[in-house]
Amino acid sequence: MRAANPDWGEGDVRAKAEALTQLDEDAARSVLLDNGDWDGGLADLADPAAAGTPVWLVRGDPAAGGYLPDAVMPAYAARVGADHVITIRGAPHSPQRTHPIETTAAILRALGDA
């Protein structure tokens, strides 16, 4: 785990290594079979209860392993505003691990505009 993720902190390496040795088969089956279509939260943002709530999307770069592909960004931009979508270039799915400075800057930007 350390060799594959040299930038991770020791706690992250240990947690991931431990998680890889544990599996709840019923939970995994439920995630795969019962979760329904994944839309990254767009349906939740369409709920009237979310109206007026400032929402920011901070994502990793899809070219580096980020989960939200460019193809879905127009829908997010339409829902939250293009200026509320921040892509951390070169960052994977968990930019807080590999790009902590950039992630902190993105969060501070969002908080400053909230």
PDB file of N, CA and C in Angstrom:
ATOM      1  N   MET A   1       0.826  -1.184   0.000  1.00  0.00           N
ATOM      2  CA  MET A   1       0.000   0.000   0.000  1.00  0.00           C
ATOM      3  C   MET A   1       0.875   1.254   0.000  1.00  0.00           C
ATOM      4  N   ARG A   2       1.930   1.252   0.775  1.00  0.00           N
ATOM      5  CA  ARG A   2       2.837   2.404   0.831  1.00  0.00           C
ATOM      6  C   ARG A   2       3.474   2.655  -0.529  1.00  0.00           C
ATOM      7  N   ALA A   3       3.952   1.591  -1.187  1.00  0.00           N
ATOM      8  CA  ALA A   3       4.625   1.748  -2.482  1.00  0.00           C
ATOM      9  C   ALA A   3       3.664   2.301  -3.536  1.00  0.00           C
ATOM     10  N   ALA A   4       2.427   1.887  -3.485  1.00  0.00           N
ATOM     11  CA  ALA A   4       1.451   2.341  -4.476  1.00  0.00           C
ATOM     12  C   ALA A   4       0.964   3.758  -4.211  1.00  0.00           C
ATOM     13  N   ASN A   5       1.114   4.234  -2.969  1.00  0.00           N
ATOM     14  CA  ASN A   5       0.606   5.554  -2.582  1.00  0.00           C
ATOM     15  C   ASN A   5       1.636   6.290  -1.730  1.00  0.00           C
ATOM     16  N   PRO A   6       2.752   6.659  -2.300  1.00  0.00           N
ATOM     17  CA  PRO A   6       3.841   7.244  -1.505  1.00  0.00           C
ATOM     18  C   PRO A   6       3.490   8.572  -0.837  1.00  0.00           C
ATOM     19  N   ASP A   7       2.470   9.278  -1.324  1.00  0.00           N
ATOM     20  CA  ASP A   7       2.106  10.570  -0.745  1.00  0.00           C
ATOM     21  C   ASP A   7       1.111  10.461   0.409  1.00  0.00           C
ATOM     22  N   TRP A   8       0.576   9.269   0.661  1.00  0.00           N
ATOM     23  CA  TRP A   8      -0.415   9.104   1.725  1.00  0.00           C
ATOM     24  C   TRP A   8       0.255   9.163   3.081  1.00  0.00           C
ATOM     25  N   GLY A   9      -0.456   9.691   4.054  1.00  0.00           N
ATOM     26  CA  GLY A   9       0.011   9.671   5.432  1.00  0.00           C
ATOM     27  C   GLY A   9      -0.047   8.257   5.983  1.00  0.00           C
ATOM     28  N   GLU A  10       0.694   8.028   7.063  1.00  0.00           N
ATOM     29  CA  GLU A  10       0.749   6.686   7.643  1.00  0.00           C
ATOM     30  C   GLU A  10      -0.626   6.177   8.066  1.00  0.00           C
ATOM     31  N   GLY A  11      -1.453   7.044   8.608  1.00  0.00           N
ATOM     32  CA  GLY A  11      -2.795   6.638   9.026  1.00  0.00           C
ATOM     33  C   GLY A  11      -3.648   6.181   7.860  1.00  0.00           C
ATOM     34  N   ASP A  12      -3.543   6.878   6.716  1.00  0.00           N
ATOM     35  CA  ASP A  12      -4.303   6.482   5.529  1.00  0.00           C
ATOM     36  C   ASP A  12      -3.829   5.138   5.003  1.00  0.00           C
ATOM     37  N   VAL A  13      -2.521   4.918   5.000  1.00  0.00           N
ATOM     38  CA  VAL A  13      -1.970   3.647   4.521  1.00  0.00           C
ATOM     39  C   VAL A  13      -2.468   2.514   5.403  1.00  0.00           C
ATOM     40  N   ARG A  14      -2.394   2.691   6.705  1.00  0.00           N
ATOM     41  CA  ARG A  14      -2.850   1.635   7.626  1.00  0.00           C
ATOM     42  C   ARG A  14      -4.337   1.365   7.481  1.00  0.00           C
ATOM     43  N   ALA A  15      -5.134   2.431   7.399  1.00  0.00           N
ATOM     44  CA  ALA A  15      -6.588   2.262   7.281  1.00  0.00           C
ATOM     45  C   ALA A  15      -6.948   1.534   5.995  1.00  0.00           C
ATOM     46  N   LYS A  16      -6.319   1.883   4.883  1.00  0.00           N
ATOM     47  CA  LYS A  16      -6.614   1.228   3.615  1.00  0.00           C
ATOM     48  C   LYS A  16      -6.166  -0.226   3.639  1.00  0.00           C
ATOM     49  N   ALA A  17      -4.974  -0.488   4.178  1.00  0.00           N
ATOM     50  CA  ALA A  17      -4.480  -1.860   4.263  1.00  0.00           C
ATOM     51  C   ALA A  17      -5.410  -2.714   5.124  1.00  0.00           C
ATOM     52  N   GLU A  18      -5.864  -2.172   6.237  1.00  0.00           N
ATOM     53  CA  GLU A  18      -6.791  -2.912   7.096  1.00  0.00           C
ATOM     54  C   GLU A  18      -8.119  -3.141   6.386  1.00  0.00           C
ATOM     55  N   ALA A  19      -8.620  -2.119   5.706  1.00  0.00           N
ATOM     56  CA  ALA A  19      -9.896  -2.250   5.012  1.00  0.00           C
ATOM     57  C   ALA A  19      -9.836  -3.326   3.933  1.00  0.00           C
ATOM     58  N   LEU A  20      -8.687  -3.483   3.311  1.00  0.00           N
ATOM     59  CA  LEU A  20      -8.560  -4.492   2.259  1.00  0.00           C
ATOM     60  C   LEU A  20      -8.595  -5.913   2.808  1.00  0.00           C
ATOM     61  N   THR A  21      -8.416  -6.055   4.098  1.00  0.00           N
ATOM     62  CA  THR A  21      -8.444  -7.394   4.699  1.00  0.00           C
ATOM     63  C   THR A  21      -9.803  -7.730   5.282  1.00  0.00           C
ATOM     64  N   GLN A  22     -10.732  -6.794   5.233  1.00  0.00           N
ATOM     65  CA  GLN A  22     -12.050  -7.003   5.827  1.00  0.00           C
ATOM     66  C   GLN A  22     -13.118  -6.864   4.754  1.00  0.00           C
ATOM     67  N   LEU A  23     -14.102  -7.735   4.818  1.00  0.00           N
ATOM     68  CA  LEU A  23     -15.197  -7.655   3.856  1.00  0.00           C
ATOM     69  C   LEU A  23     -16.461  -8.184   4.501  1.00  0.00           C
ATOM     70  N   ASP A  24     -17.473  -7.377   4.483  1.00  0.00           N
ATOM     71  CA  ASP A  24     -18.794  -7.803   4.921  1.00  0.00           C
ATOM     72  C   ASP A  24     -19.548  -8.158   3.643  1.00  0.00           C
ATOM     73  N   GLU A  25     -19.671  -9.445   3.380  1.00  0.00           N
ATOM     74  CA  GLU A  25     -20.258  -9.890   2.113  1.00  0.00           C
ATOM     75  C   GLU A  25     -21.680  -9.387   1.919  1.00  0.00           C
ATOM     76  N   ASP A  26     -22.489  -9.377   2.972  1.00  0.00           N
ATOM     77  CA  ASP A  26     -23.863  -8.887   2.842  1.00  0.00           C
ATOM     78  C   ASP A  26     -23.886  -7.400   2.495  1.00  0.00           C
ATOM     79  N   ALA A  27     -23.005  -6.623   3.125  1.00  0.00           N
ATOM     80  CA  ALA A  27     -22.959  -5.194   2.831  1.00  0.00           C
ATOM     81  C   ALA A  27     -22.486  -4.944   1.403  1.00  0.00           C
ATOM     82  N   ALA A  28     -21.464  -5.666   0.973  1.00  0.00           N
ATOM     83  CA  ALA A  28     -20.959  -5.505  -0.397  1.00  0.00           C
ATOM     84  C   ALA A  28     -22.035  -5.875  -1.409  1.00  0.00           C
ATOM     85  N   ARG A  29     -22.731  -6.956  -1.165  1.00  0.00           N
ATOM     86  CA  ARG A  29     -23.815  -7.393  -2.064  1.00  0.00           C
ATOM     87  C   ARG A  29     -24.910  -6.328  -2.118  1.00  0.00           C
ATOM     88  N   SER A  30     -25.242  -5.759  -0.965  1.00  0.00           N
ATOM     89  CA  SER A  30     -26.270  -4.732  -0.906  1.00  0.00           C
ATOM     90  C   SER A  30     -25.862  -3.489  -1.695  1.00  0.00           C
ATOM     91  N   VAL A  31     -24.603  -3.085  -1.554  1.00  0.00           N
ATOM     92  CA  VAL A  31     -24.117  -1.922  -2.305  1.00  0.00           C
ATOM     93  C   VAL A  31     -24.242  -2.176  -3.801  1.00  0.00           C
ATOM     94  N   LEU A  32     -23.869  -3.359  -4.231  1.00  0.00           N
ATOM     95  CA  LEU A  32     -23.892  -3.676  -5.657  1.00  0.00           C
ATOM     96  C   LEU A  32     -25.299  -3.861  -6.214  1.00  0.00           C
ATOM     97  N   LEU A  33     -26.198  -4.432  -5.424  1.00  0.00           N
ATOM     98  CA  LEU A  33     -27.513  -4.797  -5.946  1.00  0.00           C
ATOM     99  C   LEU A  33     -28.640  -3.838  -5.564  1.00  0.00           C
ATOM    100  N   ASP A  34     -28.500  -3.127  -4.467  1.00  0.00           N
ATOM    101  CA  ASP A  34     -29.625  -2.350  -3.950  1.00  0.00           C
ATOM    102  C   ASP A  34     -29.445  -0.836  -3.993  1.00  0.00           C
ATOM    103  N   ASN A  35     -28.303  -0.354  -4.448  1.00  0.00           N
ATOM    104  CA  ASN A  35     -28.053   1.078  -4.410  1.00  0.00           C
ATOM    105  C   ASN A  35     -28.813   1.866  -5.474  1.00  0.00           C
ATOM    106  N   GLY A  36     -29.221   1.240  -6.545  1.00  0.00           N
ATOM    107  CA  GLY A  36     -29.886   1.975  -7.611  1.00  0.00           C
ATOM    108  C   GLY A  36     -28.883   2.742  -8.454  1.00  0.00           C
ATOM    109  N   ASP A  37     -29.409   3.558  -9.338  1.00  0.00           N
ATOM    110  CA  ASP A  37     -28.546   4.342 -10.214  1.00  0.00           C
ATOM    111  C   ASP A  37     -27.804   5.402  -9.412  1.00  0.00           C
ATOM    112  N   TRP A  38     -26.527   5.553  -9.695  1.00  0.00           N
ATOM    113  CA  TRP A  38     -25.718   6.554  -9.032  1.00  0.00           C
ATOM    114  C   TRP A  38     -25.719   7.806  -9.876  1.00  0.00           C
ATOM    115  N   ASP A  39     -26.105   8.907  -9.273  1.00  0.00           N
ATOM    116  CA  ASP A  39     -26.108  10.165 -10.014  1.00  0.00           C
ATOM    117  C   ASP A  39     -25.261  11.232  -9.331  1.00  0.00           C
ATOM    118  N   GLY A  40     -24.465  10.835  -8.358  1.00  0.00           N
ATOM    119  CA  GLY A  40     -23.570  11.776  -7.694  1.00  0.00           C
ATOM    120  C   GLY A  40     -24.269  12.858  -6.901  1.00  0.00           C
ATOM    121  N   GLY A  41     -25.541  12.669  -6.579  1.00  0.00           N
ATOM    122  CA  GLY A  41     -26.261  13.636  -5.756  1.00  0.00           C
ATOM    123  C   GLY A  41     -27.140  14.607  -6.520  1.00  0.00           C
ATOM    124  N   LEU A  42     -27.175  14.514  -7.838  1.00  0.00           N
ATOM    125  CA  LEU A  42     -27.994  15.462  -8.601  1.00  0.00           C
ATOM    126  C   LEU A  42     -29.469  15.362  -8.223  1.00  0.00           C
ATOM    127  N   ALA A  43     -29.976  14.161  -7.994  1.00  0.00           N
ATOM    128  CA  ALA A  43     -31.384  14.019  -7.610  1.00  0.00           C
ATOM    129  C   ALA A  43     -31.645  14.701  -6.272  1.00  0.00           C
ATOM    130  N   ASP A  44     -30.709  14.558  -5.337  1.00  0.00           N
ATOM    131  CA  ASP A  44     -30.876  15.208  -4.035  1.00  0.00           C
ATOM    132  C   ASP A  44     -30.876  16.723  -4.176  1.00  0.00           C
ATOM    133  N   LEU A  45     -30.042  17.239  -5.045  1.00  0.00           N
ATOM    134  CA  LEU A  45     -29.989  18.687  -5.246  1.00  0.00           C
ATOM    135  C   LEU A  45     -31.256  19.220  -5.904  1.00  0.00           C
ATOM    136  N   ALA A  46     -31.994  18.362  -6.610  1.00  0.00           N
ATOM    137  CA  ALA A  46     -33.240  18.771  -7.249  1.00  0.00           C
ATOM    138  C   ALA A  46     -34.398  18.816  -6.258  1.00  0.00           C
ATOM    139  N   ASP A  47     -34.223  18.226  -5.080  1.00  0.00           N
ATOM    140  CA  ASP A  47     -35.276  18.223  -4.059  1.00  0.00           C
ATOM    141  C   ASP A  47     -35.554  19.664  -3.633  1.00  0.00           C
ATOM    142  N   PRO A  48     -36.821  20.066  -3.543  1.00  0.00           N
ATOM    143  CA  PRO A  48     -37.148  21.439  -3.134  1.00  0.00           C
ATOM    144  C   PRO A  48     -36.525  21.846  -1.799  1.00  0.00           C
ATOM    145  N   ALA A  49     -36.270  20.891  -0.921  1.00  0.00           N
ATOM    146  CA  ALA A  49     -35.657  21.211   0.368  1.00  0.00           C
ATOM    147  C   ALA A  49     -34.239  21.750   0.202  1.00  0.00           C
ATOM    148  N   ALA A  50     -33.605  21.473  -0.936  1.00  0.00           N
ATOM    149  CA  ALA A  50     -32.241  21.945  -1.181  1.00  0.00           C
ATOM    150  C   ALA A  50     -32.208  23.340  -1.801  1.00  0.00           C
ATOM    151  N   ALA A  51     -33.348  23.854  -2.177  1.00  0.00           N
ATOM    152  CA  ALA A  51     -33.405  25.174  -2.823  1.00  0.00           C
ATOM    153  C   ALA A  51     -32.782  26.235  -1.927  1.00  0.00           C
ATOM    154  N   GLY A  52     -31.948  27.056  -2.502  1.00  0.00           N
ATOM    155  CA  GLY A  52     -31.335  28.153  -1.777  1.00  0.00           C
ATOM    156  C   GLY A  52     -30.094  27.782  -0.982  1.00  0.00           C
ATOM    157  N   THR A  53     -29.763  26.502  -0.960  1.00  0.00           N
ATOM    158  CA  THR A  53     -28.571  26.067  -0.245  1.00  0.00           C
ATOM    159  C   THR A  53     -27.368  26.208  -1.165  1.00  0.00           C
ATOM    160  N   PRO A  54     -26.353  26.980  -0.764  1.00  0.00           N
ATOM    161  CA  PRO A  54     -25.181  27.090  -1.630  1.00  0.00           C
ATOM    162  C   PRO A  54     -24.431  25.752  -1.664  1.00  0.00           C
ATOM    163  N   VAL A  55     -24.183  25.278  -2.860  1.00  0.00           N
ATOM    164  CA  VAL A  55     -23.529  23.979  -3.049  1.00  0.00           C
ATOM    165  C   VAL A  55     -22.277  24.186  -3.894  1.00  0.00           C
ATOM    166  N   TRP A  56     -21.197  23.561  -3.449  1.00  0.00           N
ATOM    167  CA  TRP A  56     -19.947  23.568  -4.194  1.00  0.00           C
ATOM    168  C   TRP A  56     -19.562  22.132  -4.485  1.00  0.00           C
ATOM    169  N   LEU A  57     -19.006  21.900  -5.635  1.00  0.00           N
ATOM    170  CA  LEU A  57     -18.485  20.589  -5.990  1.00  0.00           C
ATOM    171  C   LEU A  57     -16.978  20.714  -6.159  1.00  0.00           C
ATOM    172  N   VAL A  58     -16.239  20.041  -5.305  1.00  0.00           N
ATOM    173  CA  VAL A  58     -14.781  19.978  -5.416  1.00  0.00           C
ATOM    174  C   VAL A  58     -14.469  18.550  -5.832  1.00  0.00           C
ATOM    175  N   ARG A  59     -13.881  18.392  -6.997  1.00  0.00           N
ATOM    176  CA  ARG A  59     -13.649  17.042  -7.511  1.00  0.00           C
ATOM    177  C   ARG A  59     -12.207  16.858  -7.951  1.00  0.00           C
ATOM    178  N   GLY A  60     -11.815  15.591  -7.979  1.00  0.00           N
ATOM    179  CA  GLY A  60     -10.532  15.239  -8.554  1.00  0.00           C
ATOM    180  C   GLY A  60     -10.630  15.247 -10.068  1.00  0.00           C
ATOM    181  N   ASP A  61      -9.520  15.182 -10.702  1.00  0.00           N
ATOM    182  CA  ASP A  61      -9.403  15.195 -12.155  1.00  0.00           C
ATOM    183  C   ASP A  61      -9.736  13.801 -12.706  1.00  0.00           C
ATOM    184  N   PRO A  62     -10.727  13.672 -13.587  1.00  0.00           N
ATOM    185  CA  PRO A  62     -11.067  12.354 -14.132  1.00  0.00           C
ATOM    186  C   PRO A  62      -9.876  11.672 -14.814  1.00  0.00           C
ATOM    187  N   ALA A  63      -8.972  12.446 -15.390  1.00  0.00           N
ATOM    188  CA  ALA A  63      -7.799  11.869 -16.051  1.00  0.00           C
ATOM    189  C   ALA A  63      -6.835  11.245 -15.040  1.00  0.00           C
ATOM    190  N   ALA A  64      -6.990  11.609 -13.754  1.00  0.00           N
ATOM    191  CA  ALA A  64      -6.115  11.082 -12.710  1.00  0.00           C
ATOM    192  C   ALA A  64      -6.850  10.122 -11.777  1.00  0.00           C
ATOM    193  N   GLY A  65      -8.091   9.782 -12.118  1.00  0.00           N
ATOM    194  CA  GLY A  65      -8.853   8.845 -11.291  1.00  0.00           C
ATOM    195  C   GLY A  65     -10.022   9.456 -10.551  1.00  0.00           C
ATOM    196  N   GLY A  66     -10.314  10.726 -10.805  1.00  0.00           N
ATOM    197  CA  GLY A  66     -11.495  11.341 -10.199  1.00  0.00           C
ATOM    198  C   GLY A  66     -12.756  10.653 -10.702  1.00  0.00           C
ATOM    199  N   TYR A  67     -13.749  10.520  -9.820  1.00  0.00           N
ATOM    200  CA  TYR A  67     -14.944   9.741 -10.151  1.00  0.00           C
ATOM    201  C   TYR A  67     -15.980  10.468 -10.991  1.00  0.00           C
ATOM    202  N   LEU A  68     -16.019  11.777 -10.960  1.00  0.00           N
ATOM    203  CA  LEU A  68     -17.036  12.493 -11.720  1.00  0.00           C
ATOM    204  C   LEU A  68     -16.480  12.874 -13.085  1.00  0.00           C
ATOM    205  N   PRO A  69     -16.942  12.203 -14.131  1.00  0.00           N
ATOM    206  CA  PRO A  69     -16.401  12.460 -15.464  1.00  0.00           C
ATOM    207  C   PRO A  69     -16.860  13.806 -16.021  1.00  0.00           C
ATOM    208  N   ASP A  70     -16.101  14.315 -16.964  1.00  0.00           N
ATOM    209  CA  ASP A  70     -16.441  15.594 -17.594  1.00  0.00           C
ATOM    210  C   ASP A  70     -17.837  15.571 -18.205  1.00  0.00           C
ATOM    211  N   ALA A  71     -18.298  14.418 -18.644  1.00  0.00           N
ATOM    212  CA  ALA A  71     -19.602  14.314 -19.303  1.00  0.00           C
ATOM    213  C   ALA A  71     -20.761  14.716 -18.390  1.00  0.00           C
ATOM    214  N   VAL A  72     -20.613  14.586 -17.071  1.00  0.00           N
ATOM    215  CA  VAL A  72     -21.701  14.951 -16.164  1.00  0.00           C
ATOM    216  C   VAL A  72     -21.591  16.391 -15.662  1.00  0.00           C
ATOM    217  N   MET A  73     -20.502  17.072 -15.982  1.00  0.00           N
ATOM    218  CA  MET A  73     -20.295  18.418 -15.452  1.00  0.00           C
ATOM    219  C   MET A  73     -21.320  19.438 -15.936  1.00  0.00           C
ATOM    220  N   PRO A  74     -21.815  19.367 -17.175  1.00  0.00           N
ATOM    221  CA  PRO A  74     -22.848  20.337 -17.552  1.00  0.00           C
ATOM    222  C   PRO A  74     -24.088  20.258 -16.655  1.00  0.00           C
ATOM    223  N   ALA A  75     -24.482  19.060 -16.248  1.00  0.00           N
ATOM    224  CA  ALA A  75     -25.644  18.916 -15.363  1.00  0.00           C
ATOM    225  C   ALA A  75     -25.356  19.515 -13.992  1.00  0.00           C
ATOM    226  N   TYR A  76     -24.151  19.306 -13.478  1.00  0.00           N
ATOM    227  CA  TYR A  76     -23.777  19.908 -12.196  1.00  0.00           C
ATOM    228  C   TYR A  76     -23.729  21.423 -12.315  1.00  0.00           C
ATOM    229  N   ALA A  77     -23.103  21.904 -13.367  1.00  0.00           N
ATOM    230  CA  ALA A  77     -22.996  23.351 -13.552  1.00  0.00           C
ATOM    231  C   ALA A  77     -24.374  23.992 -13.657  1.00  0.00           C
ATOM    232  N   ALA A  78     -25.302  23.320 -14.335  1.00  0.00           N
ATOM    233  CA  ALA A  78     -26.661  23.845 -14.443  1.00  0.00           C
ATOM    234  C   ALA A  78     -27.348  23.887 -13.078  1.00  0.00           C
ATOM    235  N   ARG A  79     -27.037  22.944 -12.218  1.00  0.00           N
ATOM    236  CA  ARG A  79     -27.693  22.853 -10.915  1.00  0.00           C
ATOM    237  C   ARG A  79     -27.059  23.787  -9.880  1.00  0.00           C
ATOM    238  N   VAL A  80     -25.720  23.833  -9.818  1.00  0.00           N
ATOM    239  CA  VAL A  80     -25.051  24.591  -8.745  1.00  0.00           C
ATOM    240  C   VAL A  80     -24.363  25.851  -9.235  1.00  0.00           C
ATOM    241  N   GLY A  81     -24.218  25.998 -10.534  1.00  0.00           N
ATOM    242  CA  GLY A  81     -23.502  27.137 -11.111  1.00  0.00           C
ATOM    243  C   GLY A  81     -22.094  26.735 -11.500  1.00  0.00           C
ATOM    244  N   ALA A  82     -21.708  27.082 -12.705  1.00  0.00           N
ATOM    245  CA  ALA A  82     -20.382  26.703 -13.207  1.00  0.00           C
ATOM    246  C   ALA A  82     -19.269  27.232 -12.307  1.00  0.00           C
ATOM    247  N   ASP A  83     -19.503  28.388 -11.670  1.00  0.00           N
ATOM    248  CA  ASP A  83     -18.485  28.954 -10.784  1.00  0.00           C
ATOM    249  C   ASP A  83     -18.395  28.219  -9.449  1.00  0.00           C
ATOM    250  N   HIS A  84     -19.275  27.262  -9.214  1.00  0.00           N
ATOM    251  CA  HIS A  84     -19.250  26.465  -7.985  1.00  0.00           C
ATOM    252  C   HIS A  84     -18.718  25.054  -8.216  1.00  0.00           C
ATOM    253  N   VAL A  85     -18.092  24.839  -9.343  1.00  0.00           N
ATOM    254  CA  VAL A  85     -17.463  23.553  -9.647  1.00  0.00           C
ATOM    255  C   VAL A  85     -15.955  23.778  -9.716  1.00  0.00           C
ATOM    256  N   ILE A  86     -15.221  23.093  -8.845  1.00  0.00           N
ATOM    257  CA  ILE A  86     -13.765  23.221  -8.813  1.00  0.00           C
ATOM    258  C   ILE A  86     -13.160  21.852  -9.086  1.00  0.00           C
ATOM    259  N   THR A  87     -12.355  21.778 -10.117  1.00  0.00           N
ATOM    260  CA  THR A  87     -11.631  20.549 -10.433  1.00  0.00           C
ATOM    261  C   THR A  87     -10.179  20.749 -10.046  1.00  0.00           C
ATOM    262  N   ILE A  88      -9.666  19.854  -9.230  1.00  0.00           N
ATOM    263  CA  ILE A  88      -8.270  19.938  -8.821  1.00  0.00           C
ATOM    264  C   ILE A  88      -7.465  19.127  -9.831  1.00  0.00           C
ATOM    265  N   ARG A  89      -6.821  19.825 -10.732  1.00  0.00           N
ATOM    266  CA  ARG A  89      -6.075  19.199 -11.824  1.00  0.00           C
ATOM    267  C   ARG A  89      -5.001  18.252 -11.296  1.00  0.00           C
ATOM    268  N   GLY A  90      -4.949  17.081 -11.891  1.00  0.00           N
ATOM    269  CA  GLY A  90      -3.947  16.095 -11.522  1.00  0.00           C
ATOM    270  C   GLY A  90      -4.272  15.323 -10.254  1.00  0.00           C
ATOM    271  N   ALA A  91      -5.391  15.644  -9.615  1.00  0.00           N
ATOM    272  CA  ALA A  91      -5.762  14.984  -8.356  1.00  0.00           C
ATOM    273  C   ALA A  91      -6.691  13.806  -8.638  1.00  0.00           C
ATOM    274  N   PRO A  92      -6.541  12.711  -7.907  1.00  0.00           N
ATOM    275  CA  PRO A  92      -7.403  11.548  -8.080  1.00  0.00           C
ATOM    276  C   PRO A  92      -8.714  11.708  -7.304  1.00  0.00           C
ATOM    277  N   HIS A  93      -9.371  10.582  -7.046  1.00  0.00           N
ATOM    278  CA  HIS A  93     -10.659  10.570  -6.350  1.00  0.00           C
ATOM    279  C   HIS A  93     -10.589  11.217  -4.973  1.00  0.00           C
ATOM    280  N   SER A  94      -9.522  11.063  -4.263  1.00  0.00           N
ATOM    281  CA  SER A  94      -9.382  11.618  -2.910  1.00  0.00           C
ATOM    282  C   SER A  94      -8.305  12.702  -2.884  1.00  0.00           C
ATOM    283  N   PRO A  95      -8.598  13.870  -3.444  1.00  0.00           N
ATOM    284  CA  PRO A  95      -7.565  14.908  -3.532  1.00  0.00           C
ATOM    285  C   PRO A  95      -7.065  15.374  -2.177  1.00  0.00           C
ATOM    286  N   GLN A  96      -7.857  15.185  -1.130  1.00  0.00           N
ATOM    287  CA  GLN A  96      -7.401  15.599   0.200  1.00  0.00           C
ATOM    288  C   GLN A  96      -6.184  14.804   0.642  1.00  0.00           C
ATOM    289  N   ARG A  97      -5.987  13.625   0.079  1.00  0.00           N
ATOM    290  CA  ARG A  97      -4.818  12.809   0.428  1.00  0.00           C
ATOM    291  C   ARG A  97      -3.580  13.216  -0.358  1.00  0.00           C
ATOM    292  N   THR A  98      -3.764  13.464  -1.635  1.00  0.00           N
ATOM    293  CA  THR A  98      -2.612  13.692  -2.499  1.00  0.00           C
ATOM    294  C   THR A  98      -2.359  15.160  -2.817  1.00  0.00           C
ATOM    295  N   HIS A  99      -3.370  15.978  -2.687  1.00  0.00           N
ATOM    296  CA  HIS A  99      -3.260  17.401  -3.007  1.00  0.00           C
ATOM    297  C   HIS A  99      -3.887  18.235  -1.874  1.00  0.00           C
ATOM    298  N   PRO A 100      -3.360  18.105  -0.661  1.00  0.00           N
ATOM    299  CA  PRO A 100      -4.000  18.783   0.475  1.00  0.00           C
ATOM    300  C   PRO A 100      -3.996  20.304   0.369  1.00  0.00           C
ATOM    301  N   ILE A 101      -2.959  20.874  -0.187  1.00  0.00           N
ATOM    302  CA  ILE A 101      -2.903  22.336  -0.305  1.00  0.00           C
ATOM    303  C   ILE A 101      -3.974  22.826  -1.273  1.00  0.00           C
ATOM    304  N   GLU A 102      -4.071  22.183  -2.424  1.00  0.00           N
ATOM    305  CA  GLU A 102      -5.065  22.575  -3.416  1.00  0.00           C
ATOM    306  C   GLU A 102      -6.484  22.338  -2.904  1.00  0.00           C
ATOM    307  N   THR A 103      -6.677  21.237  -2.182  1.00  0.00           N
ATOM    308  CA  THR A 103      -8.001  20.941  -1.634  1.00  0.00           C
ATOM    309  C   THR A 103      -8.388  21.985  -0.591  1.00  0.00           C
ATOM    310  N   THR A 104      -7.463  22.335   0.273  1.00  0.00           N
ATOM    311  CA  THR A 104      -7.729  23.365   1.283  1.00  0.00           C
ATOM    312  C   THR A 104      -8.058  24.695   0.614  1.00  0.00           C
ATOM    313  N   ALA A 105      -7.317  25.035  -0.420  1.00  0.00           N
ATOM    314  CA  ALA A 105      -7.586  26.292  -1.137  1.00  0.00           C
ATOM    315  C   ALA A 105      -8.984  26.268  -1.758  1.00  0.00           C
ATOM    316  N   ALA A 106      -9.396  25.134  -2.306  1.00  0.00           N
ATOM    317  CA  ALA A 106     -10.726  25.024  -2.896  1.00  0.00           C
ATOM    318  C   ALA A 106     -11.814  25.179  -1.842  1.00  0.00           C
ATOM    319  N   ILE A 107     -11.616  24.552  -0.691  1.00  0.00           N
ATOM    320  CA  ILE A 107     -12.596  24.659   0.395  1.00  0.00           C
ATOM    321  C   ILE A 107     -12.659  26.092   0.910  1.00  0.00           C
ATOM    322  N   LEU A 108     -11.507  26.716   1.070  1.00  0.00           N
ATOM    323  CA  LEU A 108     -11.511  28.114   1.527  1.00  0.00           C
ATOM    324  C   LEU A 108     -12.188  29.036   0.521  1.00  0.00           C
ATOM    325  N   ARG A 109     -11.983  28.765  -0.751  1.00  0.00           N
ATOM    326  CA  ARG A 109     -12.672  29.560  -1.791  1.00  0.00           C
ATOM    327  C   ARG A 109     -14.169  29.404  -1.643  1.00  0.00           C
ATOM    328  N   ALA A 110     -14.628  28.151  -1.482  1.00  0.00           N
ATOM    329  CA  ALA A 110     -16.062  27.903  -1.336  1.00  0.00           C
ATOM    330  C   ALA A 110     -16.606  28.582  -0.077  1.00  0.00           C
ATOM    331  N   LEU A 111     -15.904  28.480   1.024  1.00  0.00           N
ATOM    332  CA  LEU A 111     -16.361  29.104   2.278  1.00  0.00           C
ATOM    333  C   LEU A 111     -16.370  30.625   2.174  1.00  0.00           C
ATOM    334  N   GLY A 112     -15.416  31.172   1.444  1.00  0.00           N
ATOM    335  CA  GLY A 112     -15.349  32.617   1.279  1.00  0.00           C
ATOM    336  C   GLY A 112     -16.492  33.169   0.459  1.00  0.00           C
ATOM    337  N   ASP A 113     -17.024  32.340  -0.446  1.00  0.00           N
ATOM    338  CA  ASP A 113     -18.131  32.775  -1.301  1.00  0.00           C
ATOM    339  C   ASP A 113     -19.489  32.361  -0.739  1.00  0.00           C
ATOM    340  N   ALA A 114     -19.486  31.592   0.346  1.00  0.00           N
ATOM    341  CA  ALA A 114     -20.766  31.093   0.882  1.00  0.00           C
ATOM    342  C   ALA A 114     -21.556  32.177   1.558  1.00  0.00           C
TER     343      ALA A 114
END
